[in-house]
PDB file of N, CA and C in Angstrom:
ATOM      1  N   MET A   1      -2.878  19.077  -7.146  1.00  0.00           N
ATOM      2  CA  MET A   1      -3.972  18.611  -6.315  1.00  0.00           C
ATOM      3  C   MET A   1      -3.201  18.694  -4.941  1.00  0.00           C
ATOM      4  N   ASN A   2      -4.257  19.129  -3.678  1.00  0.00           N
ATOM      5  CA  ASN A   2      -3.520  18.858  -2.383  1.00  0.00           C
ATOM      6  C   ASN A   2      -3.779  17.619  -1.988  1.00  0.00           C
ATOM      7  N   LEU A   3      -3.040  17.478  -0.510  1.00  0.00           N
ATOM      8  CA  LEU A   3      -3.185  16.298   0.130  1.00  0.00           C
ATOM      9  C   LEU A   3      -4.520  15.863   0.396  1.00  0.00           C
ATOM     10  N   LEU A   4      -5.571  16.961   0.641  1.00  0.00           N
ATOM     11  CA  LEU A   4      -6.617  16.006   1.193  1.00  0.00           C
ATOM     12  C   LEU A   4      -7.542  15.466  -0.334  1.00  0.00           C
ATOM     13  N   ALA A   5      -7.400  16.233  -1.256  1.00  0.00           N
ATOM     14  CA  ALA A   5      -7.912  16.019  -2.461  1.00  0.00           C
ATOM     15  C   ALA A   5      -7.610  14.188  -3.125  1.00  0.00           C
ATOM     16  N   PHE A   6      -5.785  14.474  -2.729  1.00  0.00           N
ATOM     17  CA  PHE A   6      -5.420  12.975  -3.392  1.00  0.00           C
ATOM     18  C   PHE A   6      -5.661  11.937  -2.001  1.00  0.00           C
ATOM     19  N   SER A   7      -6.008  12.367  -0.850  1.00  0.00           N
ATOM     20  CA  SER A   7      -6.142  10.894   0.160  1.00  0.00           C
ATOM     21  C   SER A   7      -7.798  10.460   0.044  1.00  0.00           C
ATOM     22  N   LEU A   8      -8.756  11.443  -0.448  1.00  0.00           N
ATOM     23  CA  LEU A   8     -10.227  11.317  -1.058  1.00  0.00           C
ATOM     24  C   LEU A   8     -10.344  10.570  -2.052  1.00  0.00           C
ATOM     25  N   THR A   9      -9.314  10.581  -2.848  1.00  0.00           N
ATOM     26  CA  THR A   9      -9.231  10.000  -4.042  1.00  0.00           C
ATOM     27  C   THR A   9      -8.997   8.416  -4.398  1.00  0.00           C
ATOM     28  N   LEU A  10      -7.812   8.970  -2.941  1.00  0.00           N
ATOM     29  CA  LEU A  10      -7.034   7.473  -2.670  1.00  0.00           C
ATOM     30  C   LEU A  10      -8.443   6.132  -2.104  1.00  0.00           C
ATOM     31  N   ILE A  11      -8.777   6.775  -0.890  1.00  0.00           N
ATOM     32  CA  ILE A  11      -9.684   6.069  -0.264  1.00  0.00           C
ATOM     33  C   ILE A  11     -11.207   5.946  -1.262  1.00  0.00           C
ATOM     34  N   LEU A  12     -11.443   6.519  -2.273  1.00  0.00           N
ATOM     35  CA  LEU A  12     -12.648   6.216  -3.638  1.00  0.00           C
ATOM     36  C   LEU A  12     -11.959   4.749  -4.245  1.00  0.00           C
ATOM     37  N   ALA A  13     -10.832   5.218  -4.433  1.00  0.00           N
ATOM     38  CA  ALA A  13     -10.318   3.882  -5.153  1.00  0.00           C
ATOM     39  C   ALA A  13      -9.915   2.712  -4.594  1.00  0.00           C
ATOM     40  N   TYR A  14      -9.824   2.672  -2.932  1.00  0.00           N
ATOM     41  CA  TYR A  14      -9.910   1.251  -2.339  1.00  0.00           C
ATOM     42  C   TYR A  14     -11.154   0.964  -2.357  1.00  0.00           C
ATOM     43  N   VAL A  15     -12.211   1.805  -2.079  1.00  0.00           N
ATOM     44  CA  VAL A  15     -13.622   1.192  -1.604  1.00  0.00           C
ATOM     45  C   VAL A  15     -14.301   0.723  -3.234  1.00  0.00           C
ATOM     46  N   LEU A  16     -14.077   1.716  -4.088  1.00  0.00           N
ATOM     47  CA  LEU A  16     -14.495   1.121  -5.448  1.00  0.00           C
ATOM     48  C   LEU A  16     -13.895  -0.283  -5.729  1.00  0.00           C
ATOM     49  N   MET A  17     -12.276  -0.342  -5.375  1.00  0.00           N
ATOM     50  CA  MET A  17     -11.893  -1.634  -5.556  1.00  0.00           C
ATOM     51  C   MET A  17     -12.490  -2.996  -4.611  1.00  0.00           C
ATOM     52  N   ALA A  18     -12.806  -2.738  -3.317  1.00  0.00           N
ATOM     53  CA  ALA A  18     -13.362  -3.446  -2.344  1.00  0.00           C
ATOM     54  C   ALA A  18     -15.154  -3.608  -3.185  1.00  0.00           C
ATOM     55  N   ALA A  19     -15.742  -2.857  -3.522  1.00  0.00           N
ATOM     56  CA  ALA A  19     -16.871  -3.085  -3.840  1.00  0.00           C
ATOM     57  C   ALA A  19     -17.119  -3.829  -4.982  1.00  0.00           C
ATOM     58  N   PHE A  20     -16.020  -3.691  -6.118  1.00  0.00           N
ATOM     59  CA  PHE A  20     -15.748  -4.657  -7.076  1.00  0.00           C
ATOM     60  C   PHE A  20     -15.571  -5.996  -6.948  1.00  0.00           C
ATOM     61  N   ALA A  21     -14.543  -6.579  -5.587  1.00  0.00           N
ATOM     62  CA  ALA A  21     -13.981  -8.094  -5.287  1.00  0.00           C
ATOM     63  C   ALA A  21     -15.853  -8.158  -4.197  1.00  0.00           C
ATOM     64  N   ILE A  22     -16.424  -7.430  -3.920  1.00  0.00           N
ATOM     65  CA  ILE A  22     -17.788  -7.911  -3.051  1.00  0.00           C
ATOM     66  C   ILE A  22     -18.446  -8.361  -3.951  1.00  0.00           C
ATOM     67  N   LEU A  23     -18.624  -7.308  -5.268  1.00  0.00           N
ATOM     68  CA  LEU A  23     -19.915  -7.672  -6.229  1.00  0.00           C
ATOM     69  C   LEU A  23     -19.427  -9.188  -7.459  1.00  0.00           C
ATOM     70  N   ASN A  24     -18.038  -9.415  -7.437  1.00  0.00           N
ATOM     71  CA  ASN A  24     -17.659 -10.547  -8.072  1.00  0.00           C
ATOM     72  C   ASN A  24     -17.296 -11.293  -7.442  1.00  0.00           C
ATOM     73  N   TRP A  25     -17.351 -11.952  -5.987  1.00  0.00           N
ATOM     74  CA  TRP A  25     -16.637 -12.498  -5.377  1.00  0.00           C
ATOM     75  C   TRP A  25     -16.621 -14.351  -5.853  1.00  0.00           C
ATOM     76  N   THR A  26     -17.803 -14.486  -6.443  1.00  0.00           N
ATOM     77  CA  THR A  26     -17.904 -15.842  -6.875  1.00  0.00           C
ATOM     78  C   THR A  26     -16.884 -16.023  -8.129  1.00  0.00           C
ATOM     79  N   ALA A  27     -16.803 -15.242  -8.951  1.00  0.00           N
ATOM     80  CA  ALA A  27     -15.600 -15.466 -10.238  1.00  0.00           C
ATOM     81  C   ALA A  27     -14.470 -14.975  -9.216  1.00  0.00           C
ATOM     82  N   MET A  28     -14.088 -14.495  -8.440  1.00  0.00           N
ATOM     83  CA  MET A  28     -12.857 -14.020  -8.013  1.00  0.00           C
ATOM     84  C   MET A  28     -12.421 -15.486  -7.158  1.00  0.00           C
ATOM     85  N   ALA A  29     -13.120 -16.359  -6.461  1.00  0.00           N
ATOM     86  CA  ALA A  29     -13.066 -17.412  -5.630  1.00  0.00           C
ATOM     87  C   ALA A  29     -13.091 -18.677  -6.564  1.00  0.00           C
ATOM     88  N   ALA A  30     -13.152 -18.957  -7.657  1.00  0.00           N
ATOM     89  CA  ALA A  30     -13.392 -19.915  -8.557  1.00  0.00           C
ATOM     90  C   ALA A  30     -12.156 -20.463  -8.843  1.00  0.00           C
ATOM     91  N   PRO A  31     -11.745 -21.597  -8.633  1.00  0.00           N
ATOM     92  CA  PRO A  31     -10.397 -21.897  -8.934  1.00  0.00           C
ATOM     93  C   PRO A  31     -10.035 -22.084 -10.512  1.00  0.00           C
ATOM     94  N   SER A  32      -8.888 -21.972 -10.716  1.00  0.00           N
ATOM     95  CA  SER A  32      -8.050 -22.008 -11.744  1.00  0.00           C
ATOM     96  C   SER A  32      -6.876 -22.179 -11.576  1.00  0.00           C
ATOM     97  N   THR A  33      -6.425 -22.890 -12.938  1.00  0.00           N
ATOM     98  CA  THR A  33      -4.851 -23.396 -12.754  1.00  0.00           C
ATOM     99  C   THR A  33      -3.654 -22.523 -13.283  1.00  0.00           C
ATOM    100  N   LEU A  34      -3.179 -22.166 -12.088  1.00  0.00           N
ATOM    101  CA  LEU A  34      -2.082 -20.991 -12.562  1.00  0.00           C
ATOM    102  C   LEU A  34      -0.536 -21.712 -12.493  1.00  0.00           C
ATOM    103  N   SER A  35       0.574 -21.190 -13.034  1.00  0.00           N
ATOM    104  CA  SER A  35       1.515 -21.818 -13.594  1.00  0.00           C
ATOM    105  C   SER A  35       2.313 -20.652 -12.964  1.00  0.00           C
ATOM    106  N   LEU A  36       3.529 -21.322 -12.155  1.00  0.00           N
ATOM    107  CA  LEU A  36       4.631 -20.677 -11.250  1.00  0.00           C
ATOM    108  C   LEU A  36       5.947 -20.864 -12.203  1.00  0.00           C
ATOM    109  N   GLY A  37       5.547 -21.431 -13.278  1.00  0.00           N
ATOM    110  CA  GLY A  37       6.997 -21.412 -14.014  1.00  0.00           C
ATOM    111  C   GLY A  37       7.775 -23.116 -13.706  1.00  0.00           C
ATOM    112  N   PHE A  38       7.763 -22.996 -12.727  1.00  0.00           N
ATOM    113  CA  PHE A  38       8.546 -24.667 -12.684  1.00  0.00           C
ATOM    114  C   PHE A  38       7.197 -25.910 -12.137  1.00  0.00           C
ATOM    115  N   THR A  39       6.127 -25.119 -11.810  1.00  0.00           N
ATOM    116  CA  THR A  39       4.922 -26.091 -11.369  1.00  0.00           C
ATOM    117  C   THR A  39       3.395 -25.416 -11.874  1.00  0.00           C
ATOM    118  N   ASP A  40       2.656 -26.015 -11.568  1.00  0.00           N
ATOM    119  CA  ASP A  40       1.643 -25.800 -11.620  1.00  0.00           C
ATOM    120  C   ASP A  40       0.476 -25.676 -10.190  1.00  0.00           C
ATOM    121  N   VAL A  41      -0.226 -24.758 -10.119  1.00  0.00           N
ATOM    122  CA  VAL A  41      -1.395 -24.960  -8.952  1.00  0.00           C
ATOM    123  C   VAL A  41      -2.424 -24.846  -9.084  1.00  0.00           C
ATOM    124  N   SER A  42      -3.514 -24.979  -8.125  1.00  0.00           N
ATOM    125  CA  SER A  42      -4.570 -24.864  -8.753  1.00  0.00           C
ATOM    126  C   SER A  42      -5.338 -23.707  -7.242  1.00  0.00           C
ATOM    127  N   ALA A  43      -5.676 -22.568  -7.824  1.00  0.00           N
ATOM    128  CA  ALA A  43      -5.751 -21.210  -6.691  1.00  0.00           C
ATOM    129  C   ALA A  43      -6.939 -20.065  -7.389  1.00  0.00           C
ATOM    130  N   PRO A  44      -7.384 -20.090  -6.665  1.00  0.00           N
ATOM    131  CA  PRO A  44      -8.365 -19.044  -7.247  1.00  0.00           C
ATOM    132  C   PRO A  44      -7.536 -17.575  -7.461  1.00  0.00           C
ATOM    133  N   LEU A  45      -7.415 -17.246  -8.979  1.00  0.00           N
ATOM    134  CA  LEU A  45      -7.126 -16.026  -9.872  1.00  0.00           C
ATOM    135  C   LEU A  45      -7.240 -14.696  -8.874  1.00  0.00           C
ATOM    136  N   GLY A  46      -8.494 -14.624  -8.752  1.00  0.00           N
ATOM    137  CA  GLY A  46      -8.986 -13.287  -8.224  1.00  0.00           C
ATOM    138  C   GLY A  46      -8.063 -13.105  -7.061  1.00  0.00           C
ATOM    139  N   MET A  47      -8.411 -13.981  -6.062  1.00  0.00           N
ATOM    140  CA  MET A  47      -7.902 -13.873  -4.423  1.00  0.00           C
ATOM    141  C   MET A  47      -6.300 -13.906  -4.643  1.00  0.00           C
ATOM    142  N   VAL A  48      -5.656 -14.639  -5.188  1.00  0.00           N
ATOM    143  CA  VAL A  48      -4.063 -14.016  -5.411  1.00  0.00           C
ATOM    144  C   VAL A  48      -3.967 -12.908  -5.788  1.00  0.00           C
ATOM    145  N   MET A  49      -4.770 -12.700  -6.933  1.00  0.00           N
ATOM    146  CA  MET A  49      -4.298 -10.933  -7.461  1.00  0.00           C
ATOM    147  C   MET A  49      -4.926  -9.974  -6.128  1.00  0.00           C
ATOM    148  N   LEU A  50      -5.844 -10.178  -5.531  1.00  0.00           N
ATOM    149  CA  LEU A  50      -6.099  -9.318  -4.346  1.00  0.00           C
ATOM    150  C   LEU A  50      -5.331  -9.444  -3.431  1.00  0.00           C
ATOM    151  N   VAL A  51      -4.785 -10.498  -2.988  1.00  0.00           N
ATOM    152  CA  VAL A  51      -3.445 -10.613  -2.037  1.00  0.00           C
ATOM    153  C   VAL A  51      -2.535  -9.920  -2.510  1.00  0.00           C
ATOM    154  N   PHE A  52      -2.095  -9.970  -3.860  1.00  0.00           N
ATOM    155  CA  PHE A  52      -0.770  -9.170  -3.784  1.00  0.00           C
ATOM    156  C   PHE A  52      -1.233  -7.815  -4.168  1.00  0.00           C
ATOM    157  N   THR A  53      -2.192  -6.976  -4.688  1.00  0.00           N
ATOM    158  CA  THR A  53      -2.819  -5.972  -4.301  1.00  0.00           C
ATOM    159  C   THR A  53      -2.529  -5.154  -3.077  1.00  0.00           C
ATOM    160  N   ALA A  54      -2.933  -6.143  -2.068  1.00  0.00           N
ATOM    161  CA  ALA A  54      -3.003  -5.844  -0.522  1.00  0.00           C
ATOM    162  C   ALA A  54      -1.498  -5.713  -0.155  1.00  0.00           C
ATOM    163  N   ALA A  55      -0.868  -6.425  -0.429  1.00  0.00           N
ATOM    164  CA  ALA A  55       0.714  -6.660  -0.218  1.00  0.00           C
ATOM    165  C   ALA A  55       1.249  -5.824  -0.657  1.00  0.00           C
ATOM    166  N   ILE A  56       1.412  -5.255  -1.544  1.00  0.00           N
ATOM    167  CA  ILE A  56       1.825  -3.955  -2.485  1.00  0.00           C
ATOM    168  C   ILE A  56       1.300  -2.404  -1.680  1.00  0.00           C
ATOM    169  N   SER A  57       0.282  -2.612  -1.688  1.00  0.00           N
ATOM    170  CA  SER A  57      -0.010  -1.468  -0.883  1.00  0.00           C
ATOM    171  C   SER A  57       0.254  -1.301   0.482  1.00  0.00           C
ATOM    172  N   GLY A  58       0.404  -2.183   1.476  1.00  0.00           N
ATOM    173  CA  GLY A  58       1.165  -2.085   2.775  1.00  0.00           C
ATOM    174  C   GLY A  58       2.297  -2.030   2.392  1.00  0.00           C
ATOM    175  N   LEU A  59       3.036  -2.280   1.785  1.00  0.00           N
ATOM    176  CA  LEU A  59       4.729  -1.842   1.501  1.00  0.00           C
ATOM    177  C   LEU A  59       4.919  -0.053   1.142  1.00  0.00           C
ATOM    178  N   PHE A  60       4.185  -0.136   0.555  1.00  0.00           N
ATOM    179  CA  PHE A  60       3.688   1.520   0.002  1.00  0.00           C
ATOM    180  C   PHE A  60       3.706   2.295   1.329  1.00  0.00           C
ATOM    181  N   VAL A  61       2.776   1.604   2.157  1.00  0.00           N
ATOM    182  CA  VAL A  61       2.386   2.136   3.517  1.00  0.00           C
ATOM    183  C   VAL A  61       3.802   2.463   4.085  1.00  0.00           C
ATOM    184  N   VAL A  62       4.648   1.244   4.422  1.00  0.00           N
ATOM    185  CA  VAL A  62       5.470   1.091   5.329  1.00  0.00           C
ATOM    186  C   VAL A  62       6.795   2.217   4.857  1.00  0.00           C
ATOM    187  N   TYR A  63       6.555   2.084   3.512  1.00  0.00           N
ATOM    188  CA  TYR A  63       7.732   2.913   3.139  1.00  0.00           C
ATOM    189  C   TYR A  63       7.634   4.511   3.021  1.00  0.00           C
ATOM    190  N   ILE A  64       6.206   4.791   2.923  1.00  0.00           N
ATOM    191  CA  ILE A  64       5.915   6.279   3.524  1.00  0.00           C
ATOM    192  C   ILE A  64       6.137   6.469   4.907  1.00  0.00           C
ATOM    193  N   VAL A  65       5.651   5.611   5.819  1.00  0.00           N
ATOM    194  CA  VAL A  65       5.850   5.847   7.278  1.00  0.00           C
ATOM    195  C   VAL A  65       7.454   5.871   7.630  1.00  0.00           C
ATOM    196  N   LEU A  66       8.543   5.269   7.125  1.00  0.00           N
ATOM    197  CA  LEU A  66       9.712   5.480   6.755  1.00  0.00           C
ATOM    198  C   LEU A  66      10.273   6.767   6.366  1.00  0.00           C
ATOM    199  N   LEU A  67       9.559   6.956   5.660  1.00  0.00           N
ATOM    200  CA  LEU A  67      10.017   8.333   4.391  1.00  0.00           C
ATOM    201  C   LEU A  67       9.516   9.404   5.389  1.00  0.00           C
ATOM    202  N   GLN A  68       8.453   9.484   5.946  1.00  0.00           N
ATOM    203  CA  GLN A  68       8.216  10.184   7.188  1.00  0.00           C
ATOM    204  C   GLN A  68       8.952  10.493   8.203  1.00  0.00           C
ATOM    205  N   ALA A  69       9.546   9.393   8.645  1.00  0.00           N
ATOM    206  CA  ALA A  69       9.918   9.487  10.042  1.00  0.00           C
ATOM    207  C   ALA A  69      11.729   9.906   9.758  1.00  0.00           C
ATOM    208  N   GLY A  70      12.197   9.528   8.823  1.00  0.00           N
ATOM    209  CA  GLY A  70      13.339  10.314   8.430  1.00  0.00           C
ATOM    210  C   GLY A  70      13.360  11.577   8.231  1.00  0.00           C
ATOM    211  N   VAL A  71      12.147  12.290   7.820  1.00  0.00           N
ATOM    212  CA  VAL A  71      12.318  13.679   7.602  1.00  0.00           C
ATOM    213  C   VAL A  71      11.797  14.541   8.657  1.00  0.00           C
ATOM    214  N   THR A  72      11.053  13.833   9.504  1.00  0.00           N
ATOM    215  CA  THR A  72      10.367  14.187  10.958  1.00  0.00           C
ATOM    216  C   THR A  72      11.928  14.587  11.757  1.00  0.00           C
ATOM    217  N   HIS A  73      12.793  12.936  11.748  1.00  0.00           N
ATOM    218  CA  HIS A  73      13.735  13.267  12.402  1.00  0.00           C
ATOM    219  C   HIS A  73      14.868  14.446  11.934  1.00  0.00           C
ATOM    220  N   GLY A  74      14.840  14.320  10.756  1.00  0.00           N
ATOM    221  CA  GLY A  74      15.950  15.621  10.017  1.00  0.00           C
ATOM    222  C   GLY A  74      15.443  16.966  10.745  1.00  0.00           C
ATOM    223  N   CYS A  75      14.036  17.094  10.526  1.00  0.00           N
ATOM    224  CA  CYS A  75      13.747  18.393  11.007  1.00  0.00           C
ATOM    225  C   CYS A  75      14.003  18.817  12.799  1.00  0.00           C
ATOM    226  N   ALA A  76      13.804  17.716  13.071  1.00  0.00           N
ATOM    227  CA  ALA A  76      14.153  17.477  14.261  1.00  0.00           C
ATOM    228  C   ALA A  76      15.253  17.757  14.845  1.00  0.00           C
ATOM    229  N   SER A  77      16.579  17.159  14.124  1.00  0.00           N
ATOM    230  CA  SER A  77      17.828  17.954  14.398  1.00  0.00           C
ATOM    231  C   SER A  77      17.953  18.971  13.722  1.00  0.00           C
ATOM    232  N   MET A  78      17.487  19.546  12.915  1.00  0.00           N
ATOM    233  CA  MET A  78      17.917  21.234  12.479  1.00  0.00           C
ATOM    234  C   MET A  78      17.144  21.994  13.764  1.00  0.00           C
ATOM    235  N   THR A  79      16.265  21.595  14.130  1.00  0.00           N
ATOM    236  CA  THR A  79      15.461  22.542  14.800  1.00  0.00           C
ATOM    237  C   THR A  79      16.318  22.470  16.435  1.00  0.00           C
ATOM    238  N   ALA A  80      16.495  21.518  16.782  1.00  0.00           N
ATOM    239  CA  ALA A  80      17.761  21.510  18.027  1.00  0.00           C
ATOM    240  C   ALA A  80      19.131  22.261  17.461  1.00  0.00           C
ATOM    241  N   VAL A  81      19.669  22.281  16.382  1.00  0.00           N
ATOM    242  CA  VAL A  81      20.859  22.916  16.192  1.00  0.00           C
ATOM    243  C   VAL A  81      20.608  24.509  16.415  1.00  0.00           C
ATOM    244  N   LYS A  82      19.388  24.682  15.668  1.00  0.00           N
ATOM    245  CA  LYS A  82      19.034  26.272  15.678  1.00  0.00           C
ATOM    246  C   LYS A  82      18.930  26.922  17.277  1.00  0.00           C
ATOM    247  N   ARG A  83      17.837  25.987  18.109  1.00  0.00           N
ATOM    248  CA  ARG A  83      17.919  26.284  19.239  1.00  0.00           C
ATOM    249  C   ARG A  83      18.981  26.554  20.145  1.00  0.00           C
ATOM    250  N   THR A  84      19.873  25.773  19.817  1.00  0.00           N
ATOM    251  CA  THR A  84      21.088  25.358  21.044  1.00  0.00           C
ATOM    252  C   THR A  84      22.100  25.725  20.437  1.00  0.00           C
ATOM    253  N   GLY A  85      22.330  26.352  18.957  1.00  0.00           N
ATOM    254  CA  GLY A  85      23.433  26.656  18.592  1.00  0.00           C
ATOM    255  C   GLY A  85      24.734  25.656  18.273  1.00  0.00           C
ATOM    256  N   CYS A  86      24.533  24.119  18.761  1.00  0.00           N
ATOM    257  CA  CYS A  86      25.692  23.182  18.777  1.00  0.00           C
ATOM    258  C   CYS A  86      25.247  21.933  17.538  1.00  0.00           C
ATOM    259  N   ARG A  87      26.203  21.272  17.070  1.00  0.00           N
ATOM    260  CA  ARG A  87      25.214  20.621  15.892  1.00  0.00           C
ATOM    261  C   ARG A  87      25.371  18.922  16.904  1.00  0.00           C
ATOM    262  N   ALA A  88      24.051  18.863  15.686  1.00  0.00           N
ATOM    263  CA  ALA A  88      23.184  17.177  16.333  1.00  0.00           C
ATOM    264  C   ALA A  88      24.205  16.503  16.062  1.00  0.00           C
TER     265      ALA A  88
END
């Protein structure tokens, strides 16, 4: 699978998830009792899951940006070595 197809698939998945959230907003916003292990809180389970999904997606984006920055820096260093003949 090439990068364009993967990107379009990922965008489609996010659009479908957003549409699902919008269509079921009343059910997602309904409060329920959630157990945190040591205490119980009343919060909408759908909203909590939506926030967790957004947070994990954000962490993946940060990871990808940092990974790409490292690769770009490595390529720039290797290009400088080839161009000048010295080690960076």
